[in-house]
Protein backbone atom coordinates (compact mmCIF):
# COMPACT_ATOMS: atom_id res chain seq x y z
CA MET A 1 0.00 0.00 0.00
CA SER A 2 1.26 3.43 -0.93
CA ASP A 3 1.70 6.25 1.58
CA PRO A 4 -0.44 9.38 1.23
CA LEU A 5 1.10 12.28 -0.69
CA SER A 6 0.82 15.76 0.82
CA LEU A 7 1.77 18.93 -1.02
CA LEU A 8 2.04 22.66 -0.45
CA VAL A 9 1.56 24.48 -3.73
CA GLN A 10 2.36 28.19 -3.97
CA ILE A 11 1.13 30.13 -6.98
CA ASP A 12 2.17 33.76 -7.48
CA ALA A 13 0.08 35.87 -9.84
CA LYS A 14 1.54 38.02 -12.55
CA SER A 15 1.19 41.74 -11.94
CA GLY A 16 -2.41 42.83 -12.43
CA LYS A 17 -3.68 39.24 -12.71
CA ALA A 18 -4.40 38.36 -9.05
CA ASP A 19 -8.19 38.68 -9.24
CA GLU A 20 -8.45 36.68 -12.45
CA LEU A 21 -6.11 33.99 -11.13
CA LYS A 22 -8.06 33.69 -7.87
CA ILE A 23 -11.28 33.04 -9.82
CA GLU A 24 -9.57 30.30 -11.84
CA LEU A 25 -8.06 28.68 -8.74
CA LEU A 26 -11.36 28.70 -6.85
CA ALA A 27 -12.95 26.93 -9.83
CA LEU A 28 -10.60 23.98 -9.24
CA LEU A 29 -11.95 23.24 -5.75
CA ALA A 30 -15.19 21.35 -6.41
CA PRO A 31 -14.04 19.11 -9.27
CA THR A 32 -10.74 18.31 -7.56
CA ARG A 33 -12.39 17.46 -4.25
CA ALA A 34 -14.64 15.02 -6.15
CA GLU A 35 -11.67 13.14 -7.59
CA GLU A 36 -10.80 9.64 -6.42
CA GLY A 37 -8.14 9.71 -3.72
CA CYS A 38 -8.43 13.41 -2.90
CA ASN A 39 -8.38 13.48 0.89
CA TYR A 40 -7.76 17.20 1.41
CA TYR A 41 -7.69 20.09 -1.05
CA HIS A 42 -7.87 23.56 0.46
CA PHE A 43 -7.15 27.01 -0.93
CA PHE A 44 -5.47 29.85 0.96
CA THR A 45 -4.32 33.41 0.28
CA GLN A 46 -1.33 35.14 1.84
CA ASP A 47 -2.60 37.78 4.24
CA ASP A 48 0.19 40.29 3.80
CA LYS A 49 0.84 39.99 0.07
CA ALA A 50 -1.82 40.17 -2.63
CA GLY A 51 -1.62 37.70 -5.46
CA VAL A 52 0.05 34.89 -3.53
CA PHE A 53 -2.08 31.75 -3.31
CA PHE A 54 -1.62 28.32 -1.78
CA PHE A 55 -3.16 24.90 -2.04
CA VAL A 56 -2.59 22.37 0.71
CA GLU A 57 -3.52 18.98 -0.64
CA THR A 58 -3.34 15.36 0.43
CA TRP A 59 -3.87 12.45 -1.91
CA ALA A 60 -4.40 8.82 -0.92
CA THR A 61 -1.60 7.80 -3.30
CA LYS A 62 0.86 9.37 -5.69
CA ALA A 63 -1.07 7.67 -8.51
CA ASN A 64 -4.22 9.59 -7.48
CA TRP A 65 -2.29 12.86 -7.66
CA GLU A 66 -0.86 11.90 -11.05
CA ALA A 67 -4.41 11.21 -12.29
CA HIS A 68 -5.42 14.65 -10.97
CA ASN A 69 -2.66 16.19 -13.07
CA GLU A 70 -4.27 14.65 -16.15
CA SER A 71 -7.82 15.75 -15.27
CA ALA A 72 -9.79 17.85 -17.72
CA HIS A 73 -10.38 20.72 -15.29
CA LEU A 74 -6.69 21.00 -14.40
CA LYS A 75 -5.70 20.94 -18.07
CA VAL A 76 -8.10 23.82 -18.73
CA PHE A 77 -6.42 25.78 -15.93
CA LEU A 78 -2.92 24.91 -17.13
CA ASP A 79 -3.76 26.34 -20.56
CA LYS A 80 -4.15 29.73 -18.82
CA VAL A 81 -1.03 29.56 -16.64
CA ASP A 82 1.28 31.50 -18.96
CA ASP A 83 -1.05 34.52 -18.87
CA LEU A 84 -1.77 34.45 -15.13
CA VAL A 85 1.09 32.88 -13.17
CA GLU A 86 4.48 34.44 -12.44
CA GLU A 87 5.83 31.59 -10.31
CA PHE A 88 4.66 28.15 -9.25
CA THR A 89 6.28 26.17 -6.41
CA LEU A 90 5.34 22.65 -5.39
CA THR A 91 6.71 21.26 -2.12
CA ASN A 92 6.21 17.78 -0.69
CA ILE A 93 5.26 18.05 2.98
CA THR A 94 4.78 15.54 5.81
CA GLU A 95 2.31 15.85 8.66
CA HIS A 96 3.59 15.07 12.15
CA GLY A 97 1.73 14.62 15.39
CA ALA A 98 -1.68 13.90 13.89
């Protein structure tokens, strides 16, 4: 059995694109949460810096996350990335003490 995969994803908007990017990111919530193996998928904004967004996500397996990366709704978003996103950082994280 595979271990769960947890990620912290930071997405920084291009100048002047924060509002548009936020709308696109919020649109990912419902379809992603409905995906097989999605245990946790939550969206955050940075309080002291506009245009910086985060997803904290946990997938039952790496294979579930890989399937998410091939999903139709994520592909639609990725087609818009060049216009909206300045920087994208994905970090594997591990929960302790749960």
